[in-house]
Amino acid sequence: MVGKTHEMEKALYLCRFAVPFDAIAYVFGRNAMYWYWAYASLSRASIVGTTIKDPQLLPKHLVVDEKHSSMALR
């Protein structure tokens, strides 16, 4: 956890439009590396691992990558 949603929302929204992290830091405070790591941390969590704990609950028609393919084929 790097910050509260209401503090991060607008700055991370600007990342979608390739606004440089230096510019985001100038407007919203902190430093450029803070905003870079906040943006990079959005992809840390595994959706399957965090929402479905039981492999039996995975849908059979799920498109999977190599990490989860053995779980979906059971």
PDB file of N, CA and C in Angstrom:
ATOM      1  N   MET A   1       0.842  -1.170   0.000  1.00  0.00           N
ATOM      2  CA  MET A   1       0.000   0.000   0.000  1.00  0.00           C
ATOM      3  C   MET A   1       0.892   1.239   0.000  1.00  0.00           C
ATOM      4  N   VAL A   2       0.697   2.057  -0.993  1.00  0.00           N
ATOM      5  CA  VAL A   2       1.526   3.247  -1.113  1.00  0.00           C
ATOM      6  C   VAL A   2       0.753   4.532  -0.842  1.00  0.00           C
ATOM      7  N   GLY A   3      -0.544   4.493  -0.897  1.00  0.00           N
ATOM      8  CA  GLY A   3      -1.326   5.702  -0.668  1.00  0.00           C
ATOM      9  C   GLY A   3      -2.807   5.402  -0.676  1.00  0.00           C
ATOM     10  N   LYS A   4      -3.588   6.376  -0.326  1.00  0.00           N
ATOM     11  CA  LYS A   4      -5.044   6.225  -0.317  1.00  0.00           C
ATOM     12  C   LYS A   4      -5.594   6.516  -1.715  1.00  0.00           C
ATOM     13  N   THR A   5      -6.696   5.894  -2.030  1.00  0.00           N
ATOM     14  CA  THR A   5      -7.276   5.987  -3.366  1.00  0.00           C
ATOM     15  C   THR A   5      -7.547   7.431  -3.764  1.00  0.00           C
ATOM     16  N   HIS A   6      -8.147   8.203  -2.881  1.00  0.00           N
ATOM     17  CA  HIS A   6      -8.494   9.582  -3.245  1.00  0.00           C
ATOM     18  C   HIS A   6      -7.257  10.447  -3.467  1.00  0.00           C
ATOM     19  N   GLU A   7      -6.104  10.042  -2.917  1.00  0.00           N
ATOM     20  CA  GLU A   7      -4.869  10.786  -3.126  1.00  0.00           C
ATOM     21  C   GLU A   7      -4.175  10.378  -4.433  1.00  0.00           C
ATOM     22  N   MET A   8      -4.399   9.160  -4.895  1.00  0.00           N
ATOM     23  CA  MET A   8      -3.678   8.608  -6.035  1.00  0.00           C
ATOM     24  C   MET A   8      -4.458   8.686  -7.349  1.00  0.00           C
ATOM     25  N   GLU A   9      -5.768   8.746  -7.264  1.00  0.00           N
ATOM     26  CA  GLU A   9      -6.638   8.585  -8.422  1.00  0.00           C
ATOM     27  C   GLU A   9      -6.281   9.501  -9.598  1.00  0.00           C
ATOM     28  N   LYS A  10      -6.233  10.790  -9.381  1.00  0.00           N
ATOM     29  CA  LYS A  10      -6.025  11.729 -10.488  1.00  0.00           C
ATOM     30  C   LYS A  10      -4.622  11.638 -11.067  1.00  0.00           C
ATOM     31  N   ALA A  11      -3.636  11.441 -10.209  1.00  0.00           N
ATOM     32  CA  ALA A  11      -2.255  11.334 -10.697  1.00  0.00           C
ATOM     33  C   ALA A  11      -2.071  10.077 -11.544  1.00  0.00           C
ATOM     34  N   LEU A  12      -2.612   8.955 -11.078  1.00  0.00           N
ATOM     35  CA  LEU A  12      -2.454   7.718 -11.843  1.00  0.00           C
ATOM     36  C   LEU A  12      -3.309   7.726 -13.108  1.00  0.00           C
ATOM     37  N   TYR A  13      -4.383   8.476 -13.102  1.00  0.00           N
ATOM     38  CA  TYR A  13      -5.178   8.636 -14.320  1.00  0.00           C
ATOM     39  C   TYR A  13      -4.347   9.297 -15.423  1.00  0.00           C
ATOM     40  N   LEU A  14      -3.534  10.254 -15.042  1.00  0.00           N
ATOM     41  CA  LEU A  14      -2.696  10.948 -16.026  1.00  0.00           C
ATOM     42  C   LEU A  14      -1.648  10.025 -16.638  1.00  0.00           C
ATOM     43  N   CYS A  15      -1.276   8.965 -15.936  1.00  0.00           N
ATOM     44  CA  CYS A  15      -0.309   8.004 -16.486  1.00  0.00           C
ATOM     45  C   CYS A  15      -0.844   7.344 -17.754  1.00  0.00           C
ATOM     46  N   ARG A  16      -2.146   7.223 -17.876  1.00  0.00           N
ATOM     47  CA  ARG A  16      -2.743   6.625 -19.072  1.00  0.00           C
ATOM     48  C   ARG A  16      -2.444   7.430 -20.320  1.00  0.00           C
ATOM     49  N   PHE A  17      -2.154   8.710 -20.151  1.00  0.00           N
ATOM     50  CA  PHE A  17      -1.912   9.600 -21.279  1.00  0.00           C
ATOM     51  C   PHE A  17      -0.438   9.946 -21.417  1.00  0.00           C
ATOM     52  N   ALA A  18       0.425   9.125 -20.835  1.00  0.00           N
ATOM     53  CA  ALA A  18       1.878   9.258 -20.938  1.00  0.00           C
ATOM     54  C   ALA A  18       2.410  10.588 -20.402  1.00  0.00           C
ATOM     55  N   VAL A  19       1.743  11.106 -19.371  1.00  0.00           N
ATOM     56  CA  VAL A  19       2.273  12.295 -18.695  1.00  0.00           C
ATOM     57  C   VAL A  19       3.509  11.850 -17.915  1.00  0.00           C
ATOM     58  N   PRO A  20       4.629  12.538 -18.063  1.00  0.00           N
ATOM     59  CA  PRO A  20       5.852  12.122 -17.364  1.00  0.00           C
ATOM     60  C   PRO A  20       5.681  12.168 -15.842  1.00  0.00           C
ATOM     61  N   PHE A  21       6.362  11.260 -15.169  1.00  0.00           N
ATOM     62  CA  PHE A  21       6.270  11.200 -13.716  1.00  0.00           C
ATOM     63  C   PHE A  21       6.821  12.460 -13.062  1.00  0.00           C
ATOM     64  N   ASP A  22       7.765  13.117 -13.702  1.00  0.00           N
ATOM     65  CA  ASP A  22       8.273  14.389 -13.175  1.00  0.00           C
ATOM     66  C   ASP A  22       7.164  15.443 -13.138  1.00  0.00           C
ATOM     67  N   ALA A  23       6.343  15.486 -14.167  1.00  0.00           N
ATOM     68  CA  ALA A  23       5.241  16.442 -14.222  1.00  0.00           C
ATOM     69  C   ALA A  23       4.182  16.110 -13.172  1.00  0.00           C
ATOM     70  N   ILE A  24       3.894  14.834 -13.001  1.00  0.00           N
ATOM     71  CA  ILE A  24       2.932  14.416 -11.979  1.00  0.00           C
ATOM     72  C   ILE A  24       3.442  14.797 -10.593  1.00  0.00           C
ATOM     73  N   ALA A  25       4.728  14.593 -10.347  1.00  0.00           N
ATOM     74  CA  ALA A  25       5.314  14.958  -9.056  1.00  0.00           C
ATOM     75  C   ALA A  25       5.247  16.465  -8.833  1.00  0.00           C
ATOM     76  N   TYR A  26       5.433  17.248  -9.872  1.00  0.00           N
ATOM     77  CA  TYR A  26       5.375  18.704  -9.753  1.00  0.00           C
ATOM     78  C   TYR A  26       3.968  19.162  -9.342  1.00  0.00           C
ATOM     79  N   VAL A  27       2.949  18.527  -9.917  1.00  0.00           N
ATOM     80  CA  VAL A  27       1.565  18.939  -9.662  1.00  0.00           C
ATOM     81  C   VAL A  27       1.027  18.359  -8.356  1.00  0.00           C
ATOM     82  N   PHE A  28       1.299  17.074  -8.093  1.00  0.00           N
ATOM     83  CA  PHE A  28       0.681  16.391  -6.965  1.00  0.00           C
ATOM     84  C   PHE A  28       1.607  16.211  -5.761  1.00  0.00           C
ATOM     85  N   GLY A  29       2.864  16.627  -5.878  1.00  0.00           N
ATOM     86  CA  GLY A  29       3.789  16.474  -4.765  1.00  0.00           C
ATOM     87  C   GLY A  29       4.500  15.128  -4.796  1.00  0.00           C
ATOM     88  N   ARG A  30       5.240  14.851  -3.741  1.00  0.00           N
ATOM     89  CA  ARG A  30       6.109  13.669  -3.628  1.00  0.00           C
ATOM     90  C   ARG A  30       7.239  13.781  -4.652  1.00  0.00           C
ATOM     91  N   ASN A  31       7.753  12.658  -5.155  1.00  0.00           N
ATOM     92  CA  ASN A  31       8.786  12.717  -6.190  1.00  0.00           C
ATOM     93  C   ASN A  31       8.422  11.765  -7.326  1.00  0.00           C
ATOM     94  N   ALA A  32       9.175  11.850  -8.401  1.00  0.00           N
ATOM     95  CA  ALA A  32       8.843  11.072  -9.601  1.00  0.00           C
ATOM     96  C   ALA A  32       8.897   9.574  -9.340  1.00  0.00           C
ATOM     97  N   MET A  33       9.862   9.113  -8.544  1.00  0.00           N
ATOM     98  CA  MET A  33       9.960   7.673  -8.262  1.00  0.00           C
ATOM     99  C   MET A  33       8.761   7.165  -7.462  1.00  0.00           C
ATOM    100  N   TYR A  34       8.214   7.987  -6.579  1.00  0.00           N
ATOM    101  CA  TYR A  34       7.007   7.605  -5.831  1.00  0.00           C
ATOM    102  C   TYR A  34       5.875   7.285  -6.795  1.00  0.00           C
ATOM    103  N   TRP A  35       5.665   8.160  -7.765  1.00  0.00           N
ATOM    104  CA  TRP A  35       4.576   7.950  -8.718  1.00  0.00           C
ATOM    105  C   TRP A  35       4.874   6.809  -9.673  1.00  0.00           C
ATOM    106  N   TYR A  36       6.142   6.626 -10.019  1.00  0.00           N
ATOM    107  CA  TYR A  36       6.503   5.492 -10.869  1.00  0.00           C
ATOM    108  C   TYR A  36       6.194   4.181 -10.159  1.00  0.00           C
ATOM    109  N   TRP A  37       6.589   4.067  -8.889  1.00  0.00           N
ATOM    110  CA  TRP A  37       6.344   2.819  -8.155  1.00  0.00           C
ATOM    111  C   TRP A  37       4.866   2.608  -7.874  1.00  0.00           C
ATOM    112  N   ALA A  38       4.125   3.676  -7.674  1.00  0.00           N
ATOM    113  CA  ALA A  38       2.676   3.547  -7.497  1.00  0.00           C
ATOM    114  C   ALA A  38       2.039   3.001  -8.775  1.00  0.00           C
ATOM    115  N   TYR A  39       2.478   3.505  -9.925  1.00  0.00           N
ATOM    116  CA  TYR A  39       1.974   3.031 -11.215  1.00  0.00           C
ATOM    117  C   TYR A  39       2.391   1.588 -11.461  1.00  0.00           C
ATOM    118  N   ALA A  40       3.636   1.266 -11.160  1.00  0.00           N
ATOM    119  CA  ALA A  40       4.131  -0.093 -11.380  1.00  0.00           C
ATOM    120  C   ALA A  40       3.471  -1.093 -10.444  1.00  0.00           C
ATOM    121  N   SER A  41       3.074  -0.662  -9.260  1.00  0.00           N
ATOM    122  CA  SER A  41       2.488  -1.593  -8.294  1.00  0.00           C
ATOM    123  C   SER A  41       1.079  -2.022  -8.675  1.00  0.00           C
ATOM    124  N   LEU A  42       0.469  -1.349  -9.641  1.00  0.00           N
ATOM    125  CA  LEU A  42      -0.876  -1.748 -10.060  1.00  0.00           C
ATOM    126  C   LEU A  42      -0.899  -3.140 -10.667  1.00  0.00           C
ATOM    127  N   SER A  43       0.200  -3.598 -11.200  1.00  0.00           N
ATOM    128  CA  SER A  43       0.227  -4.914 -11.846  1.00  0.00           C
ATOM    129  C   SER A  43       0.797  -6.004 -10.944  1.00  0.00           C
ATOM    130  N   ARG A  44       1.020  -5.716  -9.676  1.00  0.00           N
ATOM    131  CA  ARG A  44       1.626  -6.696  -8.768  1.00  0.00           C
ATOM    132  C   ARG A  44       0.723  -7.876  -8.435  1.00  0.00           C
ATOM    133  N   ALA A  45      -0.527  -7.618  -8.146  1.00  0.00           N
ATOM    134  CA  ALA A  45      -1.423  -8.668  -7.659  1.00  0.00           C
ATOM    135  C   ALA A  45      -1.880  -9.570  -8.792  1.00  0.00           C
ATOM    136  N   SER A  46      -1.951 -10.851  -8.506  1.00  0.00           N
ATOM    137  CA  SER A  46      -2.492 -11.813  -9.452  1.00  0.00           C
ATOM    138  C   SER A  46      -4.005 -11.858  -9.265  1.00  0.00           C
ATOM    139  N   ILE A  47      -4.748 -11.599 -10.319  1.00  0.00           N
ATOM    140  CA  ILE A  47      -6.209 -11.583 -10.212  1.00  0.00           C
ATOM    141  C   ILE A  47      -6.726 -12.952  -9.804  1.00  0.00           C
ATOM    142  N   VAL A  48      -6.211 -14.007 -10.407  1.00  0.00           N
ATOM    143  CA  VAL A  48      -6.680 -15.351 -10.081  1.00  0.00           C
ATOM    144  C   VAL A  48      -6.290 -15.716  -8.661  1.00  0.00           C
ATOM    145  N   GLY A  49      -5.071 -15.426  -8.278  1.00  0.00           N
ATOM    146  CA  GLY A  49      -4.598 -15.789  -6.950  1.00  0.00           C
ATOM    147  C   GLY A  49      -5.272 -15.031  -5.829  1.00  0.00           C
ATOM    148  N   THR A  50      -5.748 -13.838  -6.104  1.00  0.00           N
ATOM    149  CA  THR A  50      -6.343 -13.047  -5.042  1.00  0.00           C
ATOM    150  C   THR A  50      -7.852 -13.177  -4.964  1.00  0.00           C
ATOM    151  N   THR A  51      -8.503 -13.591  -6.029  1.00  0.00           N
ATOM    152  CA  THR A  51      -9.960 -13.661  -5.992  1.00  0.00           C
ATOM    153  C   THR A  51     -10.493 -15.087  -5.905  1.00  0.00           C
ATOM    154  N   ILE A  52      -9.761 -16.038  -6.425  1.00  0.00           N
ATOM    155  CA  ILE A  52     -10.228 -17.420  -6.403  1.00  0.00           C
ATOM    156  C   ILE A  52      -9.185 -18.280  -5.707  1.00  0.00           C
ATOM    157  N   LYS A  53      -9.520 -18.768  -4.536  1.00  0.00           N
ATOM    158  CA  LYS A  53      -8.575 -19.585  -3.778  1.00  0.00           C
ATOM    159  C   LYS A  53      -8.710 -21.074  -4.116  1.00  0.00           C
ATOM    160  N   ASP A  54      -9.874 -21.487  -4.562  1.00  0.00           N
ATOM    161  CA  ASP A  54     -10.137 -22.890  -4.860  1.00  0.00           C
ATOM    162  C   ASP A  54     -10.110 -23.103  -6.374  1.00  0.00           C
ATOM    163  N   PRO A  55      -9.176 -23.929  -6.898  1.00  0.00           N
ATOM    164  CA  PRO A  55      -9.111 -24.138  -8.352  1.00  0.00           C
ATOM    165  C   PRO A  55     -10.389 -24.730  -8.942  1.00  0.00           C
ATOM    166  N   GLN A  56     -11.188 -25.390  -8.137  1.00  0.00           N
ATOM    167  CA  GLN A  56     -12.441 -25.958  -8.638  1.00  0.00           C
ATOM    168  C   GLN A  56     -13.431 -24.866  -9.038  1.00  0.00           C
ATOM    169  N   LEU A  57     -13.233 -23.649  -8.522  1.00  0.00           N
ATOM    170  CA  LEU A  57     -14.141 -22.551  -8.836  1.00  0.00           C
ATOM    171  C   LEU A  57     -13.764 -21.816 -10.121  1.00  0.00           C
ATOM    172  N   LEU A  58     -12.634 -22.172 -10.737  1.00  0.00           N
ATOM    173  CA  LEU A  58     -12.243 -21.542 -11.990  1.00  0.00           C
ATOM    174  C   LEU A  58     -13.162 -21.999 -13.113  1.00  0.00           C
ATOM    175  N   PRO A  59     -13.625 -21.098 -13.961  1.00  0.00           N
ATOM    176  CA  PRO A  59     -14.461 -21.518 -15.083  1.00  0.00           C
ATOM    177  C   PRO A  59     -13.665 -22.382 -16.058  1.00  0.00           C
ATOM    178  N   LYS A  60     -14.293 -23.346 -16.651  1.00  0.00           N
ATOM    179  CA  LYS A  60     -13.622 -24.255 -17.592  1.00  0.00           C
ATOM    180  C   LYS A  60     -13.235 -23.554 -18.886  1.00  0.00           C
ATOM    181  N   HIS A  61     -13.938 -22.509 -19.276  1.00  0.00           N
ATOM    182  CA  HIS A  61     -13.671 -21.807 -20.533  1.00  0.00           C
ATOM    183  C   HIS A  61     -12.681 -20.655 -20.356  1.00  0.00           C
ATOM    184  N   LEU A  62     -12.036 -20.564 -19.218  1.00  0.00           N
ATOM    185  CA  LEU A  62     -11.110 -19.485 -18.924  1.00  0.00           C
ATOM    186  C   LEU A  62      -9.887 -19.548 -19.833  1.00  0.00           C
ATOM    187  N   VAL A  63      -9.526 -18.437 -20.434  1.00  0.00           N
ATOM    188  CA  VAL A  63      -8.294 -18.346 -21.206  1.00  0.00           C
ATOM    189  C   VAL A  63      -7.177 -18.128 -20.199  1.00  0.00           C
ATOM    190  N   VAL A  64      -6.163 -19.001 -20.230  1.00  0.00           N
ATOM    191  CA  VAL A  64      -5.153 -18.979 -19.183  1.00  0.00           C
ATOM    192  C   VAL A  64      -3.762 -18.786 -19.773  1.00  0.00           C
ATOM    193  N   ASP A  65      -2.842 -18.376 -18.922  1.00  0.00           N
ATOM    194  CA  ASP A  65      -1.444 -18.352 -19.321  1.00  0.00           C
ATOM    195  C   ASP A  65      -0.771 -19.584 -18.720  1.00  0.00           C
ATOM    196  N   GLU A  66       0.531 -19.727 -18.960  1.00  0.00           N
ATOM    197  CA  GLU A  66       1.198 -20.955 -18.537  1.00  0.00           C
ATOM    198  C   GLU A  66       1.221 -21.141 -17.029  1.00  0.00           C
ATOM    199  N   LYS A  67       1.109 -20.076 -16.249  1.00  0.00           N
ATOM    200  CA  LYS A  67       1.156 -20.212 -14.795  1.00  0.00           C
ATOM    201  C   LYS A  67      -0.112 -20.836 -14.237  1.00  0.00           C
ATOM    202  N   HIS A  68      -1.236 -20.611 -14.888  1.00  0.00           N
ATOM    203  CA  HIS A  68      -2.511 -21.081 -14.354  1.00  0.00           C
ATOM    204  C   HIS A  68      -3.142 -22.186 -15.193  1.00  0.00           C
ATOM    205  N   SER A  69      -2.467 -22.605 -16.243  1.00  0.00           N
ATOM    206  CA  SER A  69      -3.076 -23.585 -17.138  1.00  0.00           C
ATOM    207  C   SER A  69      -3.294 -24.921 -16.453  1.00  0.00           C
ATOM    208  N   SER A  70      -2.407 -25.336 -15.560  1.00  0.00           N
ATOM    209  CA  SER A  70      -2.596 -26.617 -14.882  1.00  0.00           C
ATOM    210  C   SER A  70      -3.778 -26.565 -13.936  1.00  0.00           C
ATOM    211  N   MET A  71      -4.046 -25.413 -13.357  1.00  0.00           N
ATOM    212  CA  MET A  71      -5.188 -25.280 -12.451  1.00  0.00           C
ATOM    213  C   MET A  71      -6.506 -25.336 -13.216  1.00  0.00           C
ATOM    214  N   ALA A  72      -6.557 -24.723 -14.387  1.00  0.00           N
ATOM    215  CA  ALA A  72      -7.802 -24.653 -15.142  1.00  0.00           C
ATOM    216  C   ALA A  72      -8.140 -25.986 -15.806  1.00  0.00           C
ATOM    217  N   LEU A  73      -7.146 -26.821 -16.051  1.00  0.00           N
ATOM    218  CA  LEU A  73      -7.407 -28.080 -16.750  1.00  0.00           C
ATOM    219  C   LEU A  73      -7.812 -29.212 -15.830  1.00  0.00           C
ATOM    220  N   ARG A  74      -7.763 -28.991 -14.536  1.00  0.00           N
ATOM    221  CA  ARG A  74      -8.143 -30.056 -13.586  1.00  0.00           C
ATOM    222  C   ARG A  74      -9.602 -30.332 -13.593  1.00  0.00           C
TER     223      ARG A  74
END
